[in-house]
């Protein structure tokens, strides 16, 4: 199968690219190379004859048409998105343009390409989204595929809009689509503005570790390589027009996650232990959702998928990876906004 992966130089997209190439798929990585992208994320497969790269922006319809005509993919996996909630609070415009208008452009380019190829039944458009579109949970319950949408941030609202567009293109035009909504990802190659790498790198440098509010916000944590495995499975075997929630089955409060990372740092870099003394509670993010939790019953029962990595195992692997790969993350610390408090509204 030849797969066009949008956002393939990003965190989750690059995990999909690496895994797909390892499994023998041809992959075309389409990325505009914004601040959070890094082609070094795909270095392990970049010399493979199965891999190709195209720098293009989702807002450029002509470029999308050209890429599709040139490479003639069998499937599109749409991961490209602005994804940092704090940045969406400070500058929502980029999220509207990329996540909504960009998805519209890609859908239209895909529809024209699919029709031009004779509408092959094997073609797939896989739209990758987030559990944040469902809003915030109380102490009980989980998000299912039928949970009403209730986005609370510019980021989640833009992703919700893109989900609706994808479903509309399926219902109106018959475009063969599948959708997935995932929980919080973590793992190697995570851009160092997100919680897990921030904790690791601040602990490493002896800097305060910021925790929003009281640290009681709950997330379901999904190891990125598990997620990539699930995404390829849905692409190949998911039912058309259907959505699948992908969760790690690893709920944890932010403060507990931070303390677990600190414990790993205590063991691996004991000279600065205990690292939890660096924890600093800071003013909460505006509109900070209290709890997310994924019910993964559908993907488990229909497709037989479950995560293989526990949050304890995954965090250990992630800490070890960051400690061993300073040459990867050090240059990223100089990029715009990294290390600064964003999203104050």
Protein backbone atom coordinates (compact mmCIF):
# COMPACT_ATOMS: atom_id res chain seq x y z
CA UNK A 1 0.00 0.00 0.00
CA UNK A 2 1.18 3.52 -0.76
CA UNK A 3 0.15 5.92 2.01
CA UNK A 4 0.23 9.71 1.98
CA UNK A 5 0.82 10.83 5.58
CA UNK A 6 0.17 14.51 6.30
CA UNK A 7 2.16 15.91 9.20
CA UNK A 8 4.66 13.09 8.93
CA UNK A 9 7.49 15.16 10.41
CA UNK A 10 5.51 15.75 13.59
CA UNK A 11 5.32 13.65 16.73
CA UNK A 12 2.52 11.17 15.95
CA UNK A 13 2.87 11.44 12.19
CA UNK A 14 6.54 10.46 12.28
CA UNK A 15 5.72 7.43 14.42
CA UNK A 16 3.24 6.37 11.73
CA UNK A 17 5.80 6.96 8.98
CA UNK A 18 8.49 4.92 10.75
CA UNK A 19 6.15 2.02 11.49
CA UNK A 20 4.54 1.97 8.05
CA UNK A 21 7.89 1.86 6.27
CA UNK A 22 9.13 -0.88 8.61
CA UNK A 23 6.04 -2.90 7.65
CA UNK A 24 6.77 -2.56 3.95
CA UNK A 25 4.37 0.20 2.96
CA UNK A 26 5.39 2.98 0.60
CA UNK A 27 5.04 6.30 2.41
CA UNK A 28 4.86 9.86 1.14
CA UNK A 29 5.44 12.29 3.99
CA UNK A 30 3.69 15.63 3.36
CA UNK A 31 4.63 18.32 5.85
CA UNK A 32 4.90 22.11 5.77
CA UNK A 33 7.68 22.01 8.38
CA UNK A 34 6.23 24.45 10.89
CA UNK A 35 7.89 25.05 14.26
CA UNK A 36 6.90 21.66 15.74
CA UNK A 37 8.05 19.57 12.77
CA UNK A 38 11.44 17.94 12.57
CA UNK A 39 12.65 15.78 9.69
CA UNK A 40 15.10 14.13 12.06
CA UNK A 41 12.05 12.32 13.45
CA UNK A 42 12.04 10.14 10.34
CA UNK A 43 15.81 9.69 10.00
CA UNK A 44 15.52 5.94 10.77
CA UNK A 45 13.62 5.42 7.48
CA UNK A 46 14.54 8.47 5.39
CA UNK A 47 17.00 6.53 3.21
CA UNK A 48 14.53 3.76 2.46
CA UNK A 49 13.36 3.42 -1.16
CA UNK A 50 9.85 3.18 0.31
CA UNK A 51 10.01 6.76 1.68
CA UNK A 52 9.47 10.09 -0.05
CA UNK A 53 9.09 13.63 1.31
CA UNK A 54 7.03 16.52 -0.02
CA UNK A 55 7.10 19.94 1.64
CA UNK A 56 3.63 21.40 1.15
CA UNK A 57 1.06 23.37 3.11
CA UNK A 58 -2.52 22.18 3.58
CA UNK A 59 -3.64 25.72 2.78
CA UNK A 60 -2.17 25.36 -0.73
CA UNK A 61 -4.74 23.39 -2.74
CA UNK A 62 -2.62 23.38 -5.90
CA UNK A 63 0.26 21.80 -4.02
CA UNK A 64 -2.02 19.08 -2.66
CA UNK A 65 -3.32 18.31 -6.16
CA UNK A 66 0.24 18.10 -7.45
CA UNK A 67 1.38 15.72 -4.71
CA UNK A 68 -1.59 13.40 -5.22
CA UNK A 69 -1.15 13.37 -9.01
CA UNK A 70 2.58 12.71 -8.69
CA UNK A 71 2.52 9.92 -6.10
CA UNK A 72 -0.94 8.35 -6.62
CA UNK A 73 -1.43 7.03 -3.08
CA UNK A 74 -3.82 4.23 -2.15
CA UNK A 75 -4.70 5.96 1.12
CA UNK A 76 -4.34 9.25 2.98
CA UNK A 77 -3.66 9.45 6.70
CA UNK A 78 -4.40 13.00 7.80
CA UNK A 79 -2.42 13.89 10.94
CA UNK A 80 -1.23 17.40 10.09
CA UNK A 81 -2.64 19.87 12.61
CA UNK A 82 -1.82 22.68 14.96
CA UNK A 83 -2.15 20.85 18.27
CA UNK A 84 -0.87 22.81 21.27
CA UNK A 85 -3.79 24.05 23.37
CA UNK A 86 -1.80 26.89 24.95
CA UNK A 87 -0.78 28.21 21.53
CA UNK A 88 -4.41 28.04 20.39
CA UNK A 89 -5.37 30.33 23.27
CA UNK A 90 -2.75 32.89 22.27
CA UNK A 91 -3.25 32.65 18.50
CA UNK A 92 -6.37 30.80 17.36
CA UNK A 93 -6.10 31.95 13.75
CA UNK A 94 -3.45 29.40 12.79
CA UNK A 95 -5.65 26.64 14.18
CA UNK A 96 -8.64 27.73 12.12
CA UNK A 97 -6.58 28.00 8.94
CA UNK A 98 -4.71 24.71 9.27
CA UNK A 99 -7.14 22.44 11.08
CA UNK A 100 -10.36 23.57 9.39
CA UNK A 101 -9.46 25.20 6.07
CA UNK A 102 -6.52 22.84 5.59
CA UNK A 103 -8.70 19.80 6.18
CA UNK A 104 -11.28 21.17 3.73
CA UNK A 105 -8.58 21.61 1.08
CA UNK A 106 -7.29 18.09 1.63
CA UNK A 107 -10.78 16.62 1.46
CA UNK A 108 -11.47 18.39 -1.81
CA UNK A 109 -8.11 17.38 -3.26
CA UNK A 110 -8.71 13.78 -2.13
CA UNK A 111 -12.21 13.77 -3.60
CA UNK A 112 -11.00 15.03 -6.97
CA UNK A 113 -8.12 12.55 -7.00
CA UNK A 114 -10.36 9.63 -5.95
CA UNK A 115 -12.92 10.48 -8.63
CA UNK A 116 -10.18 10.84 -11.22
CA UNK A 117 -8.94 7.36 -10.38
CA UNK A 118 -12.41 5.93 -10.98
CA UNK A 119 -13.45 5.92 -7.31
CA UNK A 120 -11.58 2.74 -6.34
CA UNK A 121 -13.23 0.85 -3.49
CA UNK A 122 -9.86 0.26 -1.85
CA UNK A 123 -9.10 3.97 -1.35
CA UNK A 124 -9.18 5.28 2.23
CA UNK A 125 -9.08 8.72 3.84
CA UNK A 126 -8.17 8.29 7.51
CA UNK A 127 -8.73 11.37 9.63
CA UNK A 128 -6.87 11.38 12.96
CA UNK A 129 -8.39 13.49 15.74
CA UNK A 130 -8.40 13.88 19.51
CA UNK A 131 -10.55 13.06 22.53
CA UNK A 132 -10.55 16.77 23.38
CA UNK A 133 -13.45 17.29 20.97
CA UNK A 134 -15.70 15.63 23.55
CA UNK A 135 -15.08 18.23 26.25
CA UNK A 136 -14.54 17.48 29.93
CA UNK A 137 -15.66 14.57 32.11
CA UNK A 138 -16.48 14.47 35.79
CA UNK A 139 -15.09 11.83 38.12
CA UNK A 140 -16.99 9.02 36.39
CA UNK A 141 -17.65 7.89 32.85
CA UNK A 142 -15.67 7.62 29.62
CA UNK A 143 -15.86 9.04 26.12
CA UNK A 144 -17.41 6.71 23.57
CA UNK A 145 -17.73 7.22 19.85
CA UNK A 146 -21.30 8.43 20.48
CA UNK A 147 -20.39 11.06 23.08
CA UNK A 148 -21.72 14.49 21.99
CA UNK A 149 -19.07 16.98 20.95
CA UNK A 150 -18.37 19.74 23.47
CA UNK A 151 -15.00 21.36 22.66
CA UNK A 152 -13.67 23.91 25.15
CA UNK A 153 -10.57 25.42 23.52
CA UNK A 154 -9.81 26.92 20.10
CA UNK A 155 -7.70 23.82 19.41
CA UNK A 156 -10.41 21.29 20.25
CA UNK A 157 -13.06 23.38 18.48
CA UNK A 158 -10.98 23.41 15.30
CA UNK A 159 -10.47 19.65 15.50
CA UNK A 160 -14.19 19.11 16.10
CA UNK A 161 -14.93 21.15 12.99
CA UNK A 162 -12.51 19.07 10.95
CA UNK A 163 -14.17 15.85 12.20
CA UNK A 164 -17.54 17.17 11.06
CA UNK A 165 -16.16 18.05 7.63
CA UNK A 166 -14.77 14.56 7.14
CA UNK A 167 -18.09 12.95 8.07
CA UNK A 168 -19.95 15.34 5.76
CA UNK A 169 -17.68 14.50 2.81
CA UNK A 170 -18.42 10.82 3.42
CA UNK A 171 -22.18 11.28 3.64
CA UNK A 172 -22.51 13.83 0.83
CA UNK A 173 -19.90 12.72 -1.67
CA UNK A 174 -19.29 9.10 -0.68
CA UNK A 175 -15.60 9.69 0.07
CA UNK A 176 -14.42 6.50 1.79
CA UNK A 177 -13.32 7.67 5.23
CA UNK A 178 -12.48 6.31 8.66
CA UNK A 179 -11.92 8.45 11.76
CA UNK A 180 -10.07 8.00 15.03
CA UNK A 181 -10.03 10.03 18.24
CA UNK A 182 -7.09 9.41 20.53
CA UNK A 183 -6.12 10.17 24.10
CA UNK A 184 -2.93 12.00 25.16
CA UNK A 185 0.15 10.66 23.41
CA UNK A 186 3.66 10.55 24.82
CA UNK A 187 6.95 8.92 23.90
CA UNK A 188 10.19 9.54 21.97
CA UNK A 189 10.38 12.49 19.55
CA UNK A 190 7.72 14.49 21.48
CA UNK A 191 8.22 18.20 20.83
CA UNK A 192 9.57 19.81 24.04
CA UNK A 193 6.64 22.10 24.79
CA UNK A 194 4.31 19.29 25.90
CA UNK A 195 3.97 18.09 29.50
CA UNK A 196 6.09 14.92 29.49
CA UNK A 197 9.20 16.34 27.78
CA UNK A 198 8.88 19.58 29.75
CA UNK A 199 9.04 17.60 33.00
CA UNK A 200 11.99 15.52 31.84
CA UNK A 201 14.06 18.44 30.55
CA UNK A 202 13.29 20.78 33.45
CA UNK A 203 14.21 18.03 35.90
CA UNK A 204 17.40 17.38 33.97
CA UNK A 205 18.41 21.05 34.19
CA UNK A 206 17.26 21.62 37.75
CA UNK A 207 14.57 24.09 36.71
CA UNK A 208 11.08 24.45 38.21
CA UNK A 209 8.62 21.86 36.88
CA UNK A 210 5.35 23.73 36.21
CA UNK A 211 2.09 21.95 37.02
CA UNK A 212 -1.18 23.69 36.17
CA UNK A 213 -3.68 24.32 38.98
CA UNK A 214 -3.68 21.62 41.64
CA UNK A 215 -2.35 18.93 39.30
CA UNK A 216 -5.61 17.01 39.57
CA UNK A 217 -6.46 17.06 35.86
CA UNK A 218 -6.78 13.48 34.60
CA UNK A 219 -5.67 12.20 31.21
CA UNK A 220 -5.55 8.78 29.56
CA UNK A 221 -1.95 8.27 28.39
CA UNK A 222 -1.20 6.46 25.13
CA UNK A 223 2.32 5.48 24.07
CA UNK A 224 2.86 6.95 20.61
CA UNK A 225 4.11 3.73 19.04
CA UNK A 226 1.01 1.90 20.27
CA UNK A 227 -1.04 4.66 18.68
CA UNK A 228 0.74 4.30 15.34
CA UNK A 229 0.00 0.56 15.40
CA UNK A 230 -3.70 1.22 16.04
CA UNK A 231 -3.90 3.84 13.29
CA UNK A 232 -2.52 1.48 10.66
CA UNK A 233 -4.94 -1.20 11.80
CA UNK A 234 -7.93 1.14 11.46
CA UNK A 235 -6.70 2.23 8.03
CA UNK A 236 -6.54 -1.36 6.82
CA UNK A 237 -9.54 -2.92 8.59
CA UNK A 238 -11.79 -0.16 9.92
CA UNK A 239 -15.37 0.06 8.67
CA UNK A 240 -16.01 2.91 6.26
CA UNK A 241 -17.73 5.92 7.79
CA UNK A 242 -17.01 4.65 11.30
CA UNK A 243 -14.97 6.25 14.07
CA UNK A 244 -12.79 4.47 16.61
CA UNK A 245 -11.63 5.79 19.97
CA UNK A 246 -8.01 4.87 20.71
CA UNK A 247 -6.98 4.98 24.35
CA UNK A 248 -4.03 3.84 26.38
CA UNK A 249 -6.12 2.42 29.25
CA UNK A 250 -3.76 4.40 31.49
CA UNK A 251 -5.62 7.14 33.36
CA UNK A 252 -3.47 9.29 35.62
CA UNK A 253 -3.61 12.65 37.33
CA UNK A 254 -1.08 15.10 35.95
CA UNK A 255 0.62 15.40 39.33
CA UNK A 256 0.99 11.62 39.61
CA UNK A 257 2.44 11.44 36.11
CA UNK A 258 4.92 14.19 36.98
CA UNK A 259 5.98 12.40 40.17
CA UNK A 260 6.48 9.15 38.27
CA UNK A 261 8.77 10.91 35.81
CA UNK A 262 10.66 12.47 38.73
CA UNK A 263 11.12 9.03 40.29
CA UNK A 264 12.64 7.73 37.05
CA UNK A 265 14.91 10.77 36.93
CA UNK A 266 15.95 10.13 40.53
CA UNK A 267 17.15 6.68 39.50
CA UNK A 268 18.70 7.59 36.16
CA UNK A 269 20.21 10.97 37.16
CA UNK A 270 20.53 10.70 40.95
CA UNK A 271 22.88 13.68 41.31
CA UNK A 272 19.90 16.06 41.32
CA UNK A 273 17.50 13.89 43.33
CA UNK A 274 14.87 14.20 44.59
CA UNK A 275 13.54 15.84 41.45
CA UNK A 276 10.02 16.25 42.82
CA UNK A 277 11.30 19.16 44.90
CA UNK A 278 11.26 21.11 41.62
CA UNK A 279 7.47 20.76 41.21
CA UNK A 280 5.86 24.21 41.13
CA UNK A 281 2.10 24.74 40.92
CA UNK A 282 1.23 27.56 38.53
CA UNK A 283 -1.94 29.41 37.53
CA UNK A 284 -4.21 27.07 35.62
CA UNK A 285 -4.78 27.22 31.87
CA UNK A 286 -8.03 29.03 30.92
CA UNK A 287 -10.80 26.51 30.25
CA UNK A 288 -8.62 23.59 31.33
CA UNK A 289 -10.65 20.37 30.91
CA UNK A 290 -10.68 18.42 34.15
CA UNK A 291 -10.73 14.85 32.94
CA UNK A 292 -10.51 12.85 29.73
CA UNK A 293 -11.06 9.10 29.60
CA UNK A 294 -11.44 6.88 26.53
CA UNK A 295 -13.69 3.84 26.25
CA UNK A 296 -11.79 1.67 23.73
CA UNK A 297 -14.42 -1.08 23.54
CA UNK A 298 -15.14 -0.62 19.82
CA UNK A 299 -11.58 -0.94 18.57
CA UNK A 300 -10.96 -3.82 20.96
CA UNK A 301 -14.05 -5.83 20.03
CA UNK A 302 -14.24 -5.03 16.31
CA UNK A 303 -10.53 -4.92 15.41
CA UNK A 304 -8.89 -6.80 18.27
CA UNK A 305 -6.55 -3.98 19.30
CA UNK A 306 -5.29 -3.17 22.78
CA UNK A 307 -2.31 -1.08 23.90
CA UNK A 308 0.84 -3.06 24.61
CA UNK A 309 2.73 -0.53 26.76
CA UNK A 310 1.71 0.47 30.28
CA UNK A 311 2.23 4.07 31.33
CA UNK A 312 4.96 2.97 33.77
CA UNK A 313 6.87 1.14 31.02
CA UNK A 314 6.30 3.88 28.48
CA UNK A 315 7.43 6.69 30.76
CA UNK A 316 10.60 4.79 31.63
CA UNK A 317 11.39 4.29 27.93
CA UNK A 318 10.62 7.95 27.22
CA UNK A 319 12.87 9.28 29.99
CA UNK A 320 15.70 7.01 28.84
CA UNK A 321 15.25 8.19 25.25
CA UNK A 322 15.45 11.90 26.14
CA UNK A 323 18.52 11.36 28.27
CA UNK A 324 20.21 9.54 25.38
CA UNK A 325 19.17 11.97 22.64
CA UNK A 326 20.25 15.46 23.63
CA UNK A 327 21.40 16.09 20.06
CA UNK A 328 17.77 15.75 18.96
CA UNK A 329 16.06 18.00 21.53
CA UNK A 330 18.74 20.62 22.25
CA UNK A 331 18.26 22.58 18.97
CA UNK A 332 14.48 22.57 19.45
CA UNK A 333 14.72 24.55 22.68
CA UNK A 334 15.56 27.66 20.66
CA UNK A 335 12.35 27.53 18.61
CA UNK A 336 9.70 30.17 19.11
CA UNK A 337 7.71 29.85 22.35
CA UNK A 338 9.52 26.79 23.69
CA UNK A 339 10.22 27.16 27.40
CA UNK A 340 7.82 30.10 27.75
CA UNK A 341 4.48 30.15 29.54
CA UNK A 342 1.84 30.34 26.84
CA UNK A 343 -1.95 30.36 26.93
CA UNK A 344 -2.63 32.92 29.65
CA UNK A 345 -5.55 34.47 27.67
